[in-house]
Amino acid sequence: MKQLILVLGIGILLIPVKVTCGSPGADCAQPPLPGTNSQVRYYYEYEPLGVMLVELVIQKNLPFYYFSGTEDVY
């Protein structure tokens, strides 16, 4: 039973979460690309839930993520 709880706990901490600007509470608005109708672009990262929680506590971006990119906001 303890092993099951441990595996489930680790699994929950590895769930991917989309975090805008790389860390919670950060500002990272970028100008839109020329020729697009977007208002602004934002950097984002898909990172483990556990990493996001640590970033909330230390208020810094940790360079550990599954995937990153930018998205246009219209």
PDB file of N, CA and C in Angstrom:
ATOM      1  N   MET A   1       0.815  -1.197   0.000  1.00  0.00           N
ATOM      2  CA  MET A   1       0.000   0.000   0.000  1.00  0.00           C
ATOM      3  C   MET A   1       0.864   1.269   0.000  1.00  0.00           C
ATOM      4  N   LYS A   2       1.943   1.272   0.781  1.00  0.00           N
ATOM      5  CA  LYS A   2       2.823   2.434   0.821  1.00  0.00           C
ATOM      6  C   LYS A   2       3.484   2.668  -0.532  1.00  0.00           C
ATOM      7  N   GLN A   3       3.820   1.573  -1.218  1.00  0.00           N
ATOM      8  CA  GLN A   3       4.446   1.706  -2.530  1.00  0.00           C
ATOM      9  C   GLN A   3       3.474   2.331  -3.532  1.00  0.00           C
ATOM     10  N   LEU A   4       2.212   1.943  -3.451  1.00  0.00           N
ATOM     11  CA  LEU A   4       1.209   2.494  -4.346  1.00  0.00           C
ATOM     12  C   LEU A   4       1.047   3.997  -4.113  1.00  0.00           C
ATOM     13  N   ILE A   5       1.010   4.403  -2.867  1.00  0.00           N
ATOM     14  CA  ILE A   5       0.885   5.826  -2.539  1.00  0.00           C
ATOM     15  C   ILE A   5       2.112   6.586  -3.031  1.00  0.00           C
ATOM     16  N   LEU A   6       3.290   6.010  -2.885  1.00  0.00           N
ATOM     17  CA  LEU A   6       4.520   6.648  -3.350  1.00  0.00           C
ATOM     18  C   LEU A   6       4.508   6.813  -4.873  1.00  0.00           C
ATOM     19  N   VAL A   7       4.116   5.770  -5.586  1.00  0.00           N
ATOM     20  CA  VAL A   7       4.072   5.825  -7.052  1.00  0.00           C
ATOM     21  C   VAL A   7       3.038   6.851  -7.515  1.00  0.00           C
ATOM     22  N   LEU A   8       1.867   6.884  -6.876  1.00  0.00           N
ATOM     23  CA  LEU A   8       0.844   7.865  -7.237  1.00  0.00           C
ATOM     24  C   LEU A   8       1.307   9.287  -6.937  1.00  0.00           C
ATOM     25  N   GLY A   9       1.979   9.489  -5.817  1.00  0.00           N
ATOM     26  CA  GLY A   9       2.497  10.816  -5.466  1.00  0.00           C
ATOM     27  C   GLY A   9       3.520  11.306  -6.466  1.00  0.00           C
ATOM     28  N   ILE A  10       4.436  10.441  -6.853  1.00  0.00           N
ATOM     29  CA  ILE A  10       5.443  10.816  -7.851  1.00  0.00           C
ATOM     30  C   ILE A  10       4.779  11.076  -9.200  1.00  0.00           C
ATOM     31  N   GLY A  11       3.802  10.239  -9.545  1.00  0.00           N
ATOM     32  CA  GLY A  11       3.080  10.429 -10.804  1.00  0.00           C
ATOM     33  C   GLY A  11       2.360  11.767 -10.864  1.00  0.00           C
ATOM     34  N   ILE A  12       1.755  12.175  -9.760  1.00  0.00           N
ATOM     35  CA  ILE A  12       1.059  13.460  -9.719  1.00  0.00           C
ATOM     36  C   ILE A  12       2.049  14.606  -9.881  1.00  0.00           C
ATOM     37  N   LEU A  13       3.218  14.504  -9.267  1.00  0.00           N
ATOM     38  CA  LEU A  13       4.217  15.572  -9.381  1.00  0.00           C
ATOM     39  C   LEU A  13       4.817  15.664 -10.779  1.00  0.00           C
ATOM     40  N   LEU A  14       4.660  14.634 -11.597  1.00  0.00           N
ATOM     41  CA  LEU A  14       5.187  14.641 -12.962  1.00  0.00           C
ATOM     42  C   LEU A  14       4.153  15.059 -14.010  1.00  0.00           C
ATOM     43  N   ILE A  15       2.924  15.355 -13.588  1.00  0.00           N
ATOM     44  CA  ILE A  15       1.885  15.772 -14.530  1.00  0.00           C
ATOM     45  C   ILE A  15       2.313  17.074 -15.216  1.00  0.00           C
ATOM     46  N   PRO A  16       2.266  17.136 -16.556  1.00  0.00           N
ATOM     47  CA  PRO A  16       2.658  18.370 -17.245  1.00  0.00           C
ATOM     48  C   PRO A  16       1.634  19.487 -17.047  1.00  0.00           C
ATOM     49  N   VAL A  17       2.156  20.678 -16.768  1.00  0.00           N
ATOM     50  CA  VAL A  17       1.328  21.863 -16.537  1.00  0.00           C
ATOM     51  C   VAL A  17       1.863  22.986 -17.428  1.00  0.00           C
ATOM     52  N   LYS A  18       0.965  23.703 -18.098  1.00  0.00           N
ATOM     53  CA  LYS A  18       1.396  24.834 -18.941  1.00  0.00           C
ATOM     54  C   LYS A  18       1.599  26.050 -18.052  1.00  0.00           C
ATOM     55  N   VAL A  19       2.810  26.606 -18.103  1.00  0.00           N
ATOM     56  CA  VAL A  19       3.146  27.771 -17.292  1.00  0.00           C
ATOM     57  C   VAL A  19       3.571  28.899 -18.232  1.00  0.00           C
ATOM     58  N   THR A  20       2.802  29.980 -18.241  1.00  0.00           N
ATOM     59  CA  THR A  20       3.132  31.136 -19.078  1.00  0.00           C
ATOM     60  C   THR A  20       4.340  31.853 -18.494  1.00  0.00           C
ATOM     61  N   CYS A  21       5.248  32.243 -19.336  1.00  0.00           N
ATOM     62  CA  CYS A  21       6.472  32.979 -18.982  1.00  0.00           C
ATOM     63  C   CYS A  21       7.519  32.111 -18.287  1.00  0.00           C
ATOM     64  N   GLY A  22       7.329  30.820 -18.222  1.00  0.00           N
ATOM     65  CA  GLY A  22       8.342  29.937 -17.660  1.00  0.00           C
ATOM     66  C   GLY A  22       8.237  29.724 -16.177  1.00  0.00           C
ATOM     67  N   SER A  23       7.751  30.703 -15.436  1.00  0.00           N
ATOM     68  CA  SER A  23       7.553  30.522 -13.994  1.00  0.00           C
ATOM     69  C   SER A  23       6.339  31.326 -13.560  1.00  0.00           C
ATOM     70  N   PRO A  24       5.645  30.860 -12.545  1.00  0.00           N
ATOM     71  CA  PRO A  24       4.432  31.550 -12.102  1.00  0.00           C
ATOM     72  C   PRO A  24       4.717  32.986 -11.664  1.00  0.00           C
ATOM     73  N   GLY A  25       3.912  33.912 -12.125  1.00  0.00           N
ATOM     74  CA  GLY A  25       4.035  35.306 -11.729  1.00  0.00           C
ATOM     75  C   GLY A  25       5.031  36.133 -12.529  1.00  0.00           C
ATOM     76  N   ALA A  26       5.711  35.535 -13.488  1.00  0.00           N
ATOM     77  CA  ALA A  26       6.703  36.272 -14.283  1.00  0.00           C
ATOM     78  C   ALA A  26       6.020  37.041 -15.416  1.00  0.00           C
ATOM     79  N   ASP A  27       6.654  38.107 -15.879  1.00  0.00           N
ATOM     80  CA  ASP A  27       6.168  38.891 -17.013  1.00  0.00           C
ATOM     81  C   ASP A  27       7.070  38.629 -18.215  1.00  0.00           C
ATOM     82  N   CYS A  28       6.455  38.392 -19.378  1.00  0.00           N
ATOM     83  CA  CYS A  28       7.293  38.066 -20.536  1.00  0.00           C
ATOM     84  C   CYS A  28       6.637  38.424 -21.865  1.00  0.00           C
ATOM     85  N   ALA A  29       5.756  39.407 -21.904  1.00  0.00           N
ATOM     86  CA  ALA A  29       5.086  39.772 -23.147  1.00  0.00           C
ATOM     87  C   ALA A  29       6.108  40.196 -24.193  1.00  0.00           C
ATOM     88  N   GLN A  30       5.913  39.715 -25.418  1.00  0.00           N
ATOM     89  CA  GLN A  30       6.801  40.027 -26.532  1.00  0.00           C
ATOM     90  C   GLN A  30       5.985  40.704 -27.629  1.00  0.00           C
ATOM     91  N   PRO A  31       6.612  41.543 -28.449  1.00  0.00           N
ATOM     92  CA  PRO A  31       5.864  42.162 -29.545  1.00  0.00           C
ATOM     93  C   PRO A  31       5.437  41.116 -30.569  1.00  0.00           C
ATOM     94  N   PRO A  32       4.335  41.354 -31.273  1.00  0.00           N
ATOM     95  CA  PRO A  32       3.875  40.384 -32.279  1.00  0.00           C
ATOM     96  C   PRO A  32       4.829  40.312 -33.465  1.00  0.00           C
ATOM     97  N   LEU A  33       4.778  39.189 -34.158  1.00  0.00           N
ATOM     98  CA  LEU A  33       5.584  39.028 -35.367  1.00  0.00           C
ATOM     99  C   LEU A  33       5.011  39.904 -36.481  1.00  0.00           C
ATOM    100  N   PRO A  34       5.849  40.465 -37.328  1.00  0.00           N
ATOM    101  CA  PRO A  34       5.352  41.273 -38.449  1.00  0.00           C
ATOM    102  C   PRO A  34       4.446  40.442 -39.363  1.00  0.00           C
ATOM    103  N   GLY A  35       3.370  41.042 -39.808  1.00  0.00           N
ATOM    104  CA  GLY A  35       2.471  40.365 -40.728  1.00  0.00           C
ATOM    105  C   GLY A  35       1.430  39.492 -40.055  1.00  0.00           C
ATOM    106  N   THR A  36       1.339  39.525 -38.735  1.00  0.00           N
ATOM    107  CA  THR A  36       0.313  38.750 -38.037  1.00  0.00           C
ATOM    108  C   THR A  36      -0.705  39.699 -37.421  1.00  0.00           C
ATOM    109  N   ASN A  37      -1.860  39.173 -37.093  1.00  0.00           N
ATOM    110  CA  ASN A  37      -2.916  39.981 -36.489  1.00  0.00           C
ATOM    111  C   ASN A  37      -2.895  39.907 -34.967  1.00  0.00           C
ATOM    112  N   SER A  38      -1.912  39.265 -34.393  1.00  0.00           N
ATOM    113  CA  SER A  38      -1.902  39.094 -32.945  1.00  0.00           C
ATOM    114  C   SER A  38      -1.558  40.399 -32.237  1.00  0.00           C
ATOM    115  N   GLN A  39      -1.970  40.498 -31.004  1.00  0.00           N
ATOM    116  CA  GLN A  39      -1.695  41.667 -30.180  1.00  0.00           C
ATOM    117  C   GLN A  39      -0.344  41.543 -29.471  1.00  0.00           C
ATOM    118  N   VAL A  40      -0.053  40.348 -28.987  1.00  0.00           N
ATOM    119  CA  VAL A  40       1.164  40.120 -28.206  1.00  0.00           C
ATOM    120  C   VAL A  40       1.482  38.627 -28.226  1.00  0.00           C
ATOM    121  N   ARG A  41       2.737  38.290 -27.967  1.00  0.00           N
ATOM    122  CA  ARG A  41       3.151  36.882 -27.876  1.00  0.00           C
ATOM    123  C   ARG A  41       3.653  36.608 -26.460  1.00  0.00           C
ATOM    124  N   TYR A  42       3.469  35.373 -26.011  1.00  0.00           N
ATOM    125  CA  TYR A  42       3.940  34.956 -24.705  1.00  0.00           C
ATOM    126  C   TYR A  42       4.753  33.679 -24.823  1.00  0.00           C
ATOM    127  N   TYR A  43       5.818  33.607 -24.048  1.00  0.00           N
ATOM    128  CA  TYR A  43       6.616  32.389 -23.932  1.00  0.00           C
ATOM    129  C   TYR A  43       5.912  31.473 -22.934  1.00  0.00           C
ATOM    130  N   TYR A  44       5.932  30.172 -23.173  1.00  0.00           N
ATOM    131  CA  TYR A  44       5.345  29.221 -22.232  1.00  0.00           C
ATOM    132  C   TYR A  44       6.207  27.975 -22.137  1.00  0.00           C
ATOM    133  N   GLU A  45       6.016  27.257 -21.066  1.00  0.00           N
ATOM    134  CA  GLU A  45       6.685  25.967 -20.854  1.00  0.00           C
ATOM    135  C   GLU A  45       5.667  24.967 -20.327  1.00  0.00           C
ATOM    136  N   TYR A  46       5.769  23.739 -20.787  1.00  0.00           N
ATOM    137  CA  TYR A  46       5.065  22.634 -20.156  1.00  0.00           C
ATOM    138  C   TYR A  46       6.086  21.972 -19.243  1.00  0.00           C
ATOM    139  N   GLU A  47       5.834  22.037 -17.956  1.00  0.00           N
ATOM    140  CA  GLU A  47       6.783  21.505 -16.986  1.00  0.00           C
ATOM    141  C   GLU A  47       6.041  20.657 -15.957  1.00  0.00           C
ATOM    142  N   PRO A  48       6.765  19.807 -15.231  1.00  0.00           N
ATOM    143  CA  PRO A  48       6.111  18.980 -14.217  1.00  0.00           C
ATOM    144  C   PRO A  48       5.480  19.845 -13.122  1.00  0.00           C
ATOM    145  N   LEU A  49       4.362  19.366 -12.582  1.00  0.00           N
ATOM    146  CA  LEU A  49       3.681  20.069 -11.506  1.00  0.00           C
ATOM    147  C   LEU A  49       4.618  20.317 -10.327  1.00  0.00           C
ATOM    148  N   GLY A  50       5.456  19.358 -10.005  1.00  0.00           N
ATOM    149  CA  GLY A  50       6.397  19.508  -8.895  1.00  0.00           C
ATOM    150  C   GLY A  50       7.371  20.654  -9.121  1.00  0.00           C
ATOM    151  N   VAL A  51       7.849  20.831 -10.346  1.00  0.00           N
ATOM    152  CA  VAL A  51       8.769  21.926 -10.667  1.00  0.00           C
ATOM    153  C   VAL A  51       8.038  23.265 -10.525  1.00  0.00           C
ATOM    154  N   MET A  52       6.787  23.324 -10.994  1.00  0.00           N
ATOM    155  CA  MET A  52       6.024  24.555 -10.876  1.00  0.00           C
ATOM    156  C   MET A  52       5.820  24.937  -9.410  1.00  0.00           C
ATOM    157  N   LEU A  53       5.553  23.965  -8.556  1.00  0.00           N
ATOM    158  CA  LEU A  53       5.362  24.252  -7.135  1.00  0.00           C
ATOM    159  C   LEU A  53       6.645  24.774  -6.496  1.00  0.00           C
ATOM    160  N   VAL A  54       7.786  24.207  -6.879  1.00  0.00           N
ATOM    161  CA  VAL A  54       9.074  24.702  -6.361  1.00  0.00           C
ATOM    162  C   VAL A  54       9.315  26.125  -6.840  1.00  0.00           C
ATOM    163  N   GLU A  55       8.979  26.410  -8.110  1.00  0.00           N
ATOM    164  CA  GLU A  55       9.150  27.763  -8.648  1.00  0.00           C
ATOM    165  C   GLU A  55       8.268  28.771  -7.909  1.00  0.00           C
ATOM    166  N   LEU A  56       7.081  28.353  -7.512  1.00  0.00           N
ATOM    167  CA  LEU A  56       6.216  29.233  -6.729  1.00  0.00           C
ATOM    168  C   LEU A  56       6.881  29.628  -5.413  1.00  0.00           C
ATOM    169  N   VAL A  57       7.551  28.691  -4.788  1.00  0.00           N
ATOM    170  CA  VAL A  57       8.176  28.939  -3.490  1.00  0.00           C
ATOM    171  C   VAL A  57       9.427  29.803  -3.631  1.00  0.00           C
ATOM    172  N   ILE A  58      10.301  29.476  -4.595  1.00  0.00           N
ATOM    173  CA  ILE A  58      11.579  30.189  -4.702  1.00  0.00           C
ATOM    174  C   ILE A  58      11.512  31.416  -5.607  1.00  0.00           C
ATOM    175  N   GLN A  59      10.390  31.597  -6.338  1.00  0.00           N
ATOM    176  CA  GLN A  59      10.187  32.746  -7.222  1.00  0.00           C
ATOM    177  C   GLN A  59      11.267  32.884  -8.293  1.00  0.00           C
ATOM    178  N   LYS A  60      11.744  31.756  -8.825  1.00  0.00           N
ATOM    179  CA  LYS A  60      12.718  31.740  -9.920  1.00  0.00           C
ATOM    180  C   LYS A  60      12.316  30.659 -10.909  1.00  0.00           C
ATOM    181  N   ASN A  61      12.756  30.834 -12.157  1.00  0.00           N
ATOM    182  CA  ASN A  61      12.480  29.843 -13.184  1.00  0.00           C
ATOM    183  C   ASN A  61      13.563  28.775 -13.164  1.00  0.00           C
ATOM    184  N   LEU A  62      13.150  27.530 -12.999  1.00  0.00           N
ATOM    185  CA  LEU A  62      14.088  26.408 -13.075  1.00  0.00           C
ATOM    186  C   LEU A  62      14.127  25.913 -14.518  1.00  0.00           C
ATOM    187  N   PRO A  63      15.300  25.648 -15.059  1.00  0.00           N
ATOM    188  CA  PRO A  63      15.398  25.249 -16.470  1.00  0.00           C
ATOM    189  C   PRO A  63      15.095  23.765 -16.683  1.00  0.00           C
ATOM    190  N   PHE A  64      13.949  23.297 -16.201  1.00  0.00           N
ATOM    191  CA  PHE A  64      13.538  21.909 -16.394  1.00  0.00           C
ATOM    192  C   PHE A  64      12.101  21.914 -16.901  1.00  0.00           C
ATOM    193  N   TYR A  65      11.901  21.498 -18.147  1.00  0.00           N
ATOM    194  CA  TYR A  65      10.567  21.475 -18.727  1.00  0.00           C
ATOM    195  C   TYR A  65      10.511  20.402 -19.804  1.00  0.00           C
ATOM    196  N   TYR A  66       9.288  19.975 -20.136  1.00  0.00           N
ATOM    197  CA  TYR A  66       9.082  18.981 -21.177  1.00  0.00           C
ATOM    198  C   TYR A  66       9.134  19.617 -22.568  1.00  0.00           C
ATOM    199  N   PHE A  67       8.545  20.808 -22.703  1.00  0.00           N
ATOM    200  CA  PHE A  67       8.400  21.468 -23.996  1.00  0.00           C
ATOM    201  C   PHE A  67       8.219  22.955 -23.757  1.00  0.00           C
ATOM    202  N   SER A  68       8.681  23.786 -24.696  1.00  0.00           N
ATOM    203  CA  SER A  68       8.480  25.224 -24.573  1.00  0.00           C
ATOM    204  C   SER A  68       8.171  25.815 -25.946  1.00  0.00           C
ATOM    205  N   GLY A  69       7.650  27.034 -25.954  1.00  0.00           N
ATOM    206  CA  GLY A  69       7.347  27.701 -27.214  1.00  0.00           C
ATOM    207  C   GLY A  69       6.756  29.062 -26.969  1.00  0.00           C
ATOM    208  N   THR A  70       6.226  29.672 -28.015  1.00  0.00           N
ATOM    209  CA  THR A  70       5.537  30.959 -27.898  1.00  0.00           C
ATOM    210  C   THR A  70       4.151  30.829 -28.506  1.00  0.00           C
ATOM    211  N   GLU A  71       3.224  31.603 -27.987  1.00  0.00           N
ATOM    212  CA  GLU A  71       1.874  31.601 -28.536  1.00  0.00           C
ATOM    213  C   GLU A  71       1.419  33.040 -28.755  1.00  0.00           C
ATOM    214  N   ASP A  72       0.629  33.226 -29.804  1.00  0.00           N
ATOM    215  CA  ASP A  72       0.079  34.532 -30.115  1.00  0.00           C
ATOM    216  C   ASP A  72      -1.251  34.709 -29.395  1.00  0.00           C
ATOM    217  N   VAL A  73      -1.486  35.904 -28.889  1.00  0.00           N
ATOM    218  CA  VAL A  73      -2.769  36.243 -28.250  1.00  0.00           C
ATOM    219  C   VAL A  73      -3.462  37.226 -29.170  1.00  0.00           C
ATOM    220  N   TYR A  74      -4.686  36.910 -29.558  1.00  0.00           N
ATOM    221  CA  TYR A  74      -5.442  37.742 -30.504  1.00  0.00           C
ATOM    222  C   TYR A  74      -6.482  38.579 -29.803  1.00  0.00           C
TER     223      TYR A  74
END
